[in-house]
């Protein structure tokens, strides 16, 4: 098992932001990966699906948003 940070693409400013939350996964990728691609052929872990419902505040625009397109959501292993 490893811990992964969740990152989302912001449609407002066209930059990927960290959601500031992490999730522990049993079968996560060795490097940053798109959630839609990673779980295209297998079901998404429930604990990850729950985390993806959270909202993010864009540090550039100050707007709060929820990214619902799994092609614009990424997970990356945390260092250490």
N, C-alpha and C. Protein backbone atom coordinates (compact mmCIF):
# COMPACT_ATOMS: atom_id res chain seq x y z
N UNK A 1 0.84 -1.18 0.00
CA UNK A 1 0.00 0.00 0.00
C UNK A 1 0.89 1.24 0.00
N UNK A 2 0.40 2.26 -0.68
CA UNK A 2 1.14 3.52 -0.75
C UNK A 2 0.16 4.68 -0.68
N UNK A 3 0.67 5.84 -0.30
CA UNK A 3 -0.15 7.05 -0.20
C UNK A 3 0.03 7.88 -1.47
N UNK A 4 -1.09 8.40 -1.96
CA UNK A 4 -1.11 9.18 -3.20
C UNK A 4 -1.79 10.53 -2.98
N UNK A 5 -1.21 11.58 -3.54
CA UNK A 5 -1.83 12.91 -3.55
C UNK A 5 -2.76 12.98 -4.75
N UNK A 6 -3.86 13.71 -4.59
CA UNK A 6 -4.81 13.87 -5.69
C UNK A 6 -4.65 15.28 -6.27
N UNK A 7 -4.55 15.33 -7.60
CA UNK A 7 -4.39 16.59 -8.32
C UNK A 7 -5.51 16.71 -9.35
N UNK A 8 -5.99 17.93 -9.56
CA UNK A 8 -7.07 18.14 -10.54
C UNK A 8 -6.72 19.30 -11.46
N UNK A 9 -7.16 19.19 -12.71
CA UNK A 9 -6.96 20.25 -13.69
C UNK A 9 -8.07 21.28 -13.50
N UNK A 10 -7.69 22.54 -13.43
CA UNK A 10 -8.64 23.64 -13.27
C UNK A 10 -8.99 24.21 -14.64
N UNK A 11 -10.25 24.13 -15.00
CA UNK A 11 -10.69 24.65 -16.30
C UNK A 11 -10.64 26.17 -16.35
N UNK A 12 -10.69 26.84 -15.21
CA UNK A 12 -10.65 28.31 -15.16
C UNK A 12 -9.28 28.88 -15.54
N UNK A 13 -8.22 28.33 -14.93
CA UNK A 13 -6.88 28.89 -15.15
C UNK A 13 -5.97 27.97 -15.97
N UNK A 14 -6.45 26.80 -16.33
CA UNK A 14 -5.72 25.83 -17.16
C UNK A 14 -4.42 25.34 -16.51
N UNK A 15 -4.47 25.13 -15.19
CA UNK A 15 -3.33 24.61 -14.44
C UNK A 15 -3.82 23.45 -13.58
N UNK A 16 -2.96 22.48 -13.33
CA UNK A 16 -3.30 21.37 -12.43
C UNK A 16 -2.93 21.75 -11.01
N UNK A 17 -3.88 21.60 -10.08
CA UNK A 17 -3.69 21.95 -8.67
C UNK A 17 -3.81 20.71 -7.80
N UNK A 18 -3.06 20.70 -6.71
CA UNK A 18 -3.22 19.65 -5.71
C UNK A 18 -4.51 19.90 -4.95
N UNK A 19 -5.24 18.84 -4.63
CA UNK A 19 -6.44 18.98 -3.82
C UNK A 19 -6.07 19.14 -2.34
N UNK A 20 -4.81 18.86 -2.02
CA UNK A 20 -4.38 18.97 -0.63
C UNK A 20 -4.81 17.79 0.22
N UNK A 21 -5.24 16.72 -0.44
CA UNK A 21 -5.63 15.51 0.29
C UNK A 21 -4.93 14.31 -0.33
N UNK A 22 -4.78 13.28 0.48
CA UNK A 22 -4.15 12.06 -0.02
C UNK A 22 -5.04 10.87 0.27
N UNK A 23 -4.73 9.78 -0.40
CA UNK A 23 -5.49 8.55 -0.24
C UNK A 23 -4.50 7.38 -0.29
N UNK A 24 -4.78 6.36 0.49
CA UNK A 24 -3.95 5.15 0.49
C UNK A 24 -4.57 4.15 -0.48
N UNK A 25 -3.73 3.65 -1.41
CA UNK A 25 -4.19 2.69 -2.41
C UNK A 25 -3.31 1.44 -2.39
N UNK A 26 -3.93 0.32 -2.65
CA UNK A 26 -3.21 -0.95 -2.69
C UNK A 26 -2.49 -1.12 -4.02
N UNK A 27 -3.14 -0.74 -5.11
CA UNK A 27 -2.59 -1.01 -6.44
C UNK A 27 -2.37 0.28 -7.25
N UNK A 28 -1.88 1.32 -6.60
CA UNK A 28 -1.66 2.58 -7.29
C UNK A 28 -0.46 2.54 -8.23
N UNK A 29 -0.34 3.56 -9.09
CA UNK A 29 0.74 3.60 -10.07
C UNK A 29 2.08 4.02 -9.45
N UNK A 30 3.20 3.70 -10.12
CA UNK A 30 4.51 4.09 -9.61
C UNK A 30 4.82 5.58 -9.82
N UNK A 31 4.07 6.24 -10.71
CA UNK A 31 4.27 7.66 -10.97
C UNK A 31 2.91 8.31 -11.25
N UNK A 32 2.89 9.63 -11.41
CA UNK A 32 1.65 10.36 -11.64
C UNK A 32 0.87 9.75 -12.80
N UNK A 33 -0.44 9.55 -12.59
CA UNK A 33 -1.28 8.92 -13.62
C UNK A 33 -2.68 9.50 -13.60
N UNK A 34 -3.31 9.50 -14.76
CA UNK A 34 -4.69 9.95 -14.92
C UNK A 34 -5.63 8.88 -14.37
N UNK A 35 -6.58 9.30 -13.55
CA UNK A 35 -7.52 8.38 -12.92
C UNK A 35 -8.36 7.63 -13.97
N UNK A 36 -8.81 8.33 -15.01
CA UNK A 36 -9.64 7.70 -16.04
C UNK A 36 -8.88 6.59 -16.76
N UNK A 37 -7.63 6.83 -17.07
CA UNK A 37 -6.81 5.83 -17.75
C UNK A 37 -6.47 4.67 -16.82
N UNK A 38 -6.09 5.00 -15.61
CA UNK A 38 -5.66 4.00 -14.63
C UNK A 38 -6.77 3.01 -14.29
N UNK A 39 -8.00 3.50 -14.18
CA UNK A 39 -9.12 2.64 -13.78
C UNK A 39 -10.12 2.40 -14.90
N UNK A 40 -9.66 2.49 -16.14
CA UNK A 40 -10.55 2.28 -17.30
C UNK A 40 -11.09 0.86 -17.36
N UNK A 41 -10.26 -0.11 -17.02
CA UNK A 41 -10.67 -1.52 -17.15
C UNK A 41 -10.98 -2.19 -15.82
N UNK A 42 -10.74 -1.48 -14.74
CA UNK A 42 -11.05 -2.05 -13.43
C UNK A 42 -11.76 -0.98 -12.61
N UNK A 43 -12.52 -1.38 -11.66
CA UNK A 43 -13.27 -0.44 -10.85
C UNK A 43 -12.38 0.45 -10.00
N UNK A 44 -12.80 1.68 -9.83
CA UNK A 44 -12.07 2.61 -8.98
C UNK A 44 -12.26 2.22 -7.52
N UNK A 45 -11.19 2.27 -6.72
CA UNK A 45 -11.34 1.96 -5.30
C UNK A 45 -12.33 2.93 -4.64
N UNK A 46 -13.20 2.43 -3.78
CA UNK A 46 -14.22 3.28 -3.16
C UNK A 46 -13.64 4.48 -2.40
N UNK A 47 -12.51 4.27 -1.71
CA UNK A 47 -11.95 5.38 -0.95
C UNK A 47 -11.45 6.50 -1.87
N UNK A 48 -10.99 6.18 -3.07
CA UNK A 48 -10.59 7.20 -4.04
C UNK A 48 -11.81 7.91 -4.60
N UNK A 49 -12.84 7.16 -4.93
CA UNK A 49 -14.07 7.75 -5.46
C UNK A 49 -14.68 8.76 -4.52
N UNK A 50 -14.65 8.48 -3.24
CA UNK A 50 -15.19 9.40 -2.24
C UNK A 50 -14.37 10.69 -2.21
N UNK A 51 -13.06 10.57 -2.25
CA UNK A 51 -12.18 11.74 -2.22
C UNK A 51 -12.38 12.65 -3.43
N UNK A 52 -12.70 12.07 -4.57
CA UNK A 52 -12.84 12.85 -5.79
C UNK A 52 -14.06 13.77 -5.77
N UNK A 53 -14.94 13.57 -4.82
CA UNK A 53 -16.13 14.43 -4.71
C UNK A 53 -15.83 15.77 -4.03
N UNK A 54 -14.65 15.90 -3.45
CA UNK A 54 -14.28 17.13 -2.75
C UNK A 54 -14.11 18.29 -3.71
N UNK A 55 -14.22 19.48 -3.19
CA UNK A 55 -14.03 20.69 -3.99
C UNK A 55 -12.63 21.24 -3.76
N UNK A 56 -12.19 22.08 -4.69
CA UNK A 56 -10.86 22.67 -4.66
C UNK A 56 -10.99 24.17 -4.87
N UNK A 57 -10.16 24.94 -4.19
CA UNK A 57 -10.12 26.39 -4.43
C UNK A 57 -8.92 26.68 -5.33
N UNK A 58 -9.17 27.30 -6.46
CA UNK A 58 -8.10 27.65 -7.39
C UNK A 58 -7.25 28.75 -6.77
N UNK A 59 -5.94 28.52 -6.62
CA UNK A 59 -5.10 29.55 -6.02
C UNK A 59 -4.91 30.78 -6.91
N UNK A 60 -5.18 30.64 -8.20
CA UNK A 60 -5.02 31.79 -9.12
C UNK A 60 -6.27 32.65 -9.18
N UNK A 61 -7.45 32.03 -9.27
CA UNK A 61 -8.69 32.79 -9.44
C UNK A 61 -9.47 32.95 -8.14
N UNK A 62 -9.21 32.08 -7.17
CA UNK A 62 -9.95 32.10 -5.92
C UNK A 62 -11.30 31.41 -6.00
N UNK A 63 -11.64 30.90 -7.17
CA UNK A 63 -12.93 30.22 -7.34
C UNK A 63 -12.86 28.79 -6.81
N UNK A 64 -13.97 28.35 -6.24
CA UNK A 64 -14.09 26.98 -5.75
C UNK A 64 -14.74 26.16 -6.85
N UNK A 65 -14.16 24.99 -7.11
CA UNK A 65 -14.70 24.15 -8.17
C UNK A 65 -14.58 22.67 -7.81
N UNK A 66 -15.34 21.87 -8.53
CA UNK A 66 -15.26 20.41 -8.40
C UNK A 66 -14.99 19.88 -9.80
N UNK A 67 -13.91 19.13 -9.95
CA UNK A 67 -13.60 18.55 -11.26
C UNK A 67 -14.32 17.20 -11.35
N UNK A 68 -15.24 17.09 -12.29
CA UNK A 68 -16.03 15.86 -12.44
C UNK A 68 -15.56 14.99 -13.59
N UNK A 69 -14.62 15.49 -14.38
CA UNK A 69 -14.09 14.74 -15.52
C UNK A 69 -12.87 13.94 -15.06
N UNK A 70 -13.00 12.63 -14.96
CA UNK A 70 -11.89 11.79 -14.49
C UNK A 70 -10.67 11.85 -15.39
N UNK A 71 -10.82 12.35 -16.61
CA UNK A 71 -9.67 12.54 -17.50
C UNK A 71 -8.82 13.73 -17.06
N UNK A 72 -9.34 14.52 -16.13
CA UNK A 72 -8.62 15.70 -15.65
C UNK A 72 -8.26 15.58 -14.17
N UNK A 73 -8.28 14.34 -13.67
CA UNK A 73 -7.93 14.07 -12.28
C UNK A 73 -6.77 13.10 -12.27
N UNK A 74 -5.77 13.39 -11.44
CA UNK A 74 -4.53 12.59 -11.40
C UNK A 74 -4.21 12.20 -9.98
N UNK A 75 -3.50 11.08 -9.84
CA UNK A 75 -2.95 10.71 -8.55
C UNK A 75 -1.44 10.54 -8.73
N UNK A 76 -0.71 10.92 -7.70
CA UNK A 76 0.75 10.82 -7.73
C UNK A 76 1.24 10.32 -6.39
N UNK A 77 2.20 9.39 -6.40
CA UNK A 77 2.71 8.87 -5.13
C UNK A 77 3.36 10.00 -4.32
N UNK A 78 3.16 9.94 -3.01
CA UNK A 78 3.81 10.93 -2.14
C UNK A 78 5.26 10.50 -1.93
N UNK A 79 6.16 11.46 -1.80
CA UNK A 79 7.56 11.10 -1.57
C UNK A 79 7.76 10.44 -0.22
N UNK A 80 8.70 9.52 -0.20
CA UNK A 80 9.06 8.87 1.05
C UNK A 80 8.12 7.85 1.45
